[in-house]
Protein backbone atom coordinates (compact mmCIF):
# COMPACT_ATOMS: atom_id res chain seq x y z
CA MET A 1 84.68 102.38 128.87
CA ALA A 2 82.63 103.48 125.83
CA ALA A 3 85.52 105.67 124.61
CA ARG A 4 87.93 102.75 125.02
CA MET A 5 85.60 100.39 123.14
CA THR A 6 85.37 103.00 120.36
CA ARG A 7 89.13 103.19 119.99
CA ILE A 8 89.34 99.36 119.96
CA THR A 9 86.65 99.20 117.29
CA VAL A 10 88.39 101.84 115.21
CA ALA A 11 91.73 100.05 115.58
CA TRP A 12 90.19 96.78 114.30
CA MET A 13 88.55 98.61 111.44
CA LEU A 14 91.90 100.11 110.38
CA ILE A 15 93.61 96.75 110.55
CA VAL A 16 90.82 95.13 108.47
CA MET A 17 90.84 97.91 105.90
CA ASP A 18 94.60 97.99 105.68
CA LEU A 19 94.81 94.27 105.06
CA ALA A 20 92.15 94.40 102.42
CA LEU A 21 94.49 96.56 100.36
CA LEU A 22 97.52 94.41 100.60
CA GLY A 23 96.67 92.58 97.45
CA CYS A 24 96.77 95.75 95.37
CA ALA A 25 99.50 95.88 92.81
CA ALA A 26 100.22 99.54 93.40
CA PRO A 27 99.49 101.89 96.33
CA ARG A 28 96.41 104.03 96.06
CA HIS A 29 96.42 107.67 97.06
CA ARG A 30 93.81 110.44 97.23
CA MET A 31 94.11 114.19 97.35
CA HIS A 32 91.91 117.10 98.35
CA GLN A 33 90.81 119.16 95.41
CA GLU A 34 92.83 122.20 96.73
CA THR A 35 95.99 120.25 97.50
CA ALA A 36 98.11 121.74 94.66
CA GLY A 37 97.62 125.29 95.86
CA ARG A 38 97.78 124.65 99.55
CA ALA A 39 100.87 122.49 99.38
CA GLN A 40 102.86 125.42 97.92
CA GLY A 41 102.87 127.13 101.34
CA ILE A 42 104.18 124.07 103.24
CA LYS A 43 107.90 124.43 104.15
CA THR A 44 107.90 122.55 107.39
CA VAL A 45 106.17 119.27 108.27
CA ALA A 46 105.65 117.85 111.80
CA LEU A 47 105.65 114.05 111.96
CA MET A 48 103.29 112.08 114.19
CA LEU A 49 104.55 108.47 114.37
CA PRO A 50 103.03 106.62 117.31
CA PRO A 51 104.19 103.09 118.25
CA LEU A 52 103.41 100.57 115.56
CA ASP A 53 100.82 97.85 116.15
CA TYR A 54 103.24 94.92 116.17
CA ALA A 55 102.45 91.32 117.05
CA GLU A 56 103.90 87.83 116.65
CA VAL A 57 101.25 85.31 115.44
CA SER A 58 101.64 81.75 116.80
CA ALA A 59 100.79 78.55 115.08
CA GLY A 60 97.53 78.59 116.94
CA GLY A 61 96.58 81.98 115.58
CA VAL A 62 97.24 83.93 118.81
CA ALA A 63 98.65 87.38 118.21
CA GLU A 64 101.06 88.44 120.97
CA PRO A 65 101.98 92.09 121.14
CA ARG A 66 105.72 92.75 120.73
CA PRO A 67 106.51 96.28 121.93
CA ASP A 68 110.30 95.57 121.49
CA TRP A 69 109.72 94.71 117.83
CA ALA A 70 107.38 97.68 117.47
CA GLU A 71 110.08 100.08 118.58
CA GLU A 72 112.65 98.54 116.22
CA GLY A 73 110.19 98.82 113.32
CA ARG A 74 109.29 102.38 114.32
CA VAL A 75 112.91 103.49 114.29
CA ASN A 76 113.36 102.03 110.78
CA VAL A 77 110.15 103.76 109.55
CA LEU A 78 111.32 107.04 111.06
CA LYS A 79 114.75 106.85 109.50
CA ALA A 80 113.23 106.05 106.08
CA ILE A 81 110.82 108.96 106.26
CA GLU A 82 113.67 111.34 107.40
CA LYS A 83 115.80 110.05 104.55
CA ARG A 84 113.05 110.72 101.96
CA PHE A 85 112.35 114.24 103.21
CA GLY A 86 116.10 114.89 103.42
CA THR A 87 116.37 114.85 99.66
CA GLY A 88 113.98 117.76 99.25
CA GLY A 89 113.61 121.28 100.56
CA ILE A 90 110.95 120.44 103.16
CA GLN A 91 112.03 120.40 106.83
CA LEU A 92 110.73 117.42 108.87
CA ARG A 93 110.17 117.81 112.66
CA PRO A 94 109.18 114.67 114.50
CA LEU A 95 106.73 115.30 117.38
CA GLN A 96 107.60 113.70 120.69
CA ALA A 97 105.30 110.79 121.50
CA ASP A 98 102.97 111.59 124.36
CA PRO A 99 101.76 108.62 126.44
CA ASP A 100 98.81 110.59 127.85
CA GLU A 101 95.76 109.43 125.89
CA THR A 102 93.96 112.68 126.72
CA SER A 103 96.63 114.90 125.11
CA GLU A 104 95.83 116.98 122.08
CA ALA A 105 98.22 114.88 119.99
CA ALA A 106 96.40 111.62 121.01
CA GLU A 107 92.97 113.17 120.20
CA VAL A 108 94.15 114.30 116.80
CA PHE A 109 95.54 110.86 115.99
CA ALA A 110 92.36 109.15 117.19
CA LEU A 111 90.36 111.50 114.83
CA TYR A 112 92.74 110.64 112.01
CA GLN A 113 92.14 106.92 112.63
CA ALA A 114 88.41 107.50 112.54
CA VAL A 115 88.65 109.47 109.32
CA VAL A 116 90.65 106.67 107.71
CA ALA A 117 88.19 104.09 108.83
CA SER A 118 85.36 106.22 107.42
CA TYR A 119 87.21 106.64 104.12
CA PHE A 120 87.72 102.91 103.66
CA MET A 121 84.13 102.24 104.72
CA HIS A 122 82.40 104.84 102.49
CA ALA A 123 84.77 105.91 99.67
CA THR A 124 86.39 102.68 98.35
CA GLY A 125 85.17 99.60 96.60
CA GLU A 126 82.48 101.28 94.45
CA GLY A 127 80.03 98.61 93.41
CA ASN A 128 81.56 95.99 95.61
CA ASN A 129 81.01 98.06 98.75
CA PRO A 130 77.35 98.18 100.01
CA ASN A 131 78.32 101.12 102.34
CA VAL A 132 79.84 103.37 99.68
CA PHE A 133 78.78 107.05 99.46
CA PRO A 134 78.92 108.13 95.78
CA GLU A 135 79.92 111.71 96.65
CA LYS A 136 82.90 110.41 98.62
CA LEU A 137 84.25 108.55 95.62
CA SER A 138 84.54 111.71 93.52
CA ARG A 139 85.45 114.18 96.22
CA PHE A 140 88.19 113.52 98.85
CA ASP A 141 87.20 115.91 101.62
CA TYR A 142 88.16 115.01 105.25
CA SER A 143 89.47 116.90 108.26
CA VAL A 144 90.82 116.20 111.75
CA GLY A 145 89.97 119.66 113.05
CA SER A 146 92.25 122.66 113.53
CA LEU A 147 95.92 121.90 114.15
CA GLU A 148 96.88 125.44 115.05
CA GLY A 149 97.46 124.58 118.75
CA LEU A 150 99.30 121.30 118.09
CA LEU A 151 101.68 122.81 115.47
CA ARG A 152 102.27 126.17 117.29
CA ASP A 153 105.40 125.03 119.20
CA SER A 154 107.00 123.20 116.26
CA GLY A 155 106.28 126.04 113.85
CA ALA A 156 105.25 123.47 111.22
CA ASP A 157 102.90 124.27 108.35
CA ALA A 158 101.48 120.74 108.18
CA LEU A 159 101.29 117.40 110.02
CA LEU A 160 102.12 113.99 108.60
CA MET A 161 100.32 111.19 110.47
CA VAL A 162 101.47 107.59 110.16
CA LYS A 163 99.70 104.42 111.26
CA GLY A 164 101.55 101.11 111.02
CA VAL A 165 100.48 97.46 111.50
CA ASN A 166 102.80 94.47 111.35
CA ARG A 167 102.10 90.79 111.92
CA VAL A 168 105.00 88.40 112.03
CA ALA A 169 104.39 84.70 111.98
CA THR A 170 106.33 82.17 114.04
CA GLY A 171 108.04 79.29 112.29
CA GLY A 172 105.21 77.08 113.26
CA ARG A 173 102.63 79.44 111.98
CA THR A 174 104.38 79.77 108.63
CA ALA A 175 104.46 76.07 108.22
CA VAL A 176 100.78 75.69 109.04
CA THR A 177 99.85 78.48 106.63
CA ALA A 178 101.88 76.91 103.89
CA LEU A 179 99.82 73.70 104.28
CA GLY A 180 96.70 75.77 103.67
CA THR A 181 94.93 74.47 106.79
CA ILE A 182 94.18 77.86 108.40
CA ALA A 183 90.48 78.66 108.43
CA GLY A 184 89.30 82.27 107.88
CA ILE A 185 88.22 84.38 110.78
CA ALA A 186 85.37 86.87 110.86
CA VAL A 187 85.79 90.37 112.18
CA GLY A 188 82.66 92.54 112.65
CA VAL A 189 83.06 96.06 111.35
CA LEU A 190 80.11 98.23 112.38
CA THR A 191 77.32 97.26 110.00
CA GLY A 192 79.17 94.62 108.05
CA VAL A 193 81.36 91.54 108.43
CA VAL A 194 84.82 91.31 106.85
CA LEU A 195 86.51 87.96 106.39
CA LEU A 196 90.20 87.87 106.90
CA PRO A 197 92.71 85.05 106.50
CA SER A 198 93.99 84.20 109.90
CA GLY A 199 97.28 83.22 108.49
CA TRP A 200 97.98 86.67 107.20
CA GLU A 201 101.53 87.89 107.71
CA GLY A 202 102.93 91.22 106.70
CA ALA A 203 103.11 94.97 107.14
CA SER A 204 100.80 97.79 106.32
CA LEU A 205 101.29 101.60 106.55
CA ASN A 206 98.88 104.47 105.92
CA MET A 207 99.79 108.19 105.94
CA GLY A 208 97.81 111.39 105.89
CA LEU A 209 99.13 114.93 105.39
CA ALA A 210 96.96 117.71 106.92
CA ASP A 211 97.54 121.46 106.79
CA ARG A 212 97.11 123.79 109.84
CA SER A 213 93.39 123.94 109.21
CA GLY A 214 93.28 120.17 109.75
CA THR A 215 92.14 119.39 106.17
CA ILE A 216 93.72 116.21 104.92
CA LEU A 217 95.40 117.17 101.67
CA TRP A 218 96.89 113.69 100.78
CA PHE A 219 96.39 110.15 101.88
CA ASN A 220 98.04 106.88 100.83
CA VAL A 221 98.33 103.28 102.02
CA GLU A 222 100.88 100.62 101.25
CA GLY A 223 101.09 96.91 102.23
CA SER A 224 103.69 94.25 101.97
CA THR A 225 102.61 90.66 102.41
CA GLY A 226 105.23 88.89 104.51
CA GLY A 227 106.96 92.24 105.11
CA ASP A 228 108.73 92.98 108.37
CA LEU A 229 109.50 96.57 109.20
CA ARG A 230 112.37 95.56 111.44
CA ASN A 231 114.18 95.08 108.14
CA PRO A 232 115.50 98.56 107.07
CA GLU A 233 115.25 97.61 103.41
CA THR A 234 111.52 96.77 103.79
CA ALA A 235 110.95 100.00 105.63
CA ASP A 236 112.80 102.04 102.97
CA SER A 237 110.92 100.30 100.14
CA MET A 238 107.47 100.87 101.65
CA ILE A 239 108.17 104.47 102.62
CA ASN A 240 109.55 105.37 99.19
CA SER A 241 106.51 103.78 97.58
CA ILE A 242 103.91 105.39 99.81
CA LEU A 243 105.53 108.86 99.69
CA SER A 244 106.04 108.80 95.93
CA SER A 245 102.73 110.58 95.50
CA CYS A 246 103.01 113.02 98.50
CA PRO A 247 103.08 116.57 97.20
CA VAL A 248 105.72 117.69 99.74
CA ALA A 249 107.98 114.60 99.57
CA LYS A 250 108.45 113.88 95.89
CA GLN A 251 111.97 113.25 94.67
């Protein structure tokens, strides 16, 4: 139960932090200090793209999971990533999704989500973030542990991890939001409280590239207010934007 609550807490943290960045005019990215040198040895990248966190938000603010929409959006995101990598000399090898939460892949992805949550909590916001760690602002240094075992069968040199969140409003919800009558909701995040507009609608993606040692060499996040990843054009646009700074996916 404790492990499940931890995963739920981390999931909420990631949604909160992802949404907080949606207002940014341009995507932000961070790199490890040794990325330039380590990236030169990467020729094959394994892709970890679990089901997206997709939900339809009703006029009353209830978010109903839509696994059918999630799969449609996931297919578009996968195609957009494959298209982007197809223009370069790096081979992309998608990993098969494993439904077993105790699998190595699931554990690695859970660690990745925890790392992303820690990054947003302690290495962003500077003076506006009471939980910021000054050393984390100047030095991007995170790891998900060794990936030697996970990447052995695929023969990949690195792993690209993708987390996606999408909220699509119903017609009634959109109308209510337009009237400006939706009150904000409070979501507790560990030691702080983050206020989110309950009428939010859109898509958010974050990606991390780790080498076989597990060191995260590159990280980026992109959001689209009102975006819907079931639209191939939206998926293409977000993927091209988020991967524009990736050292192994540049065009």
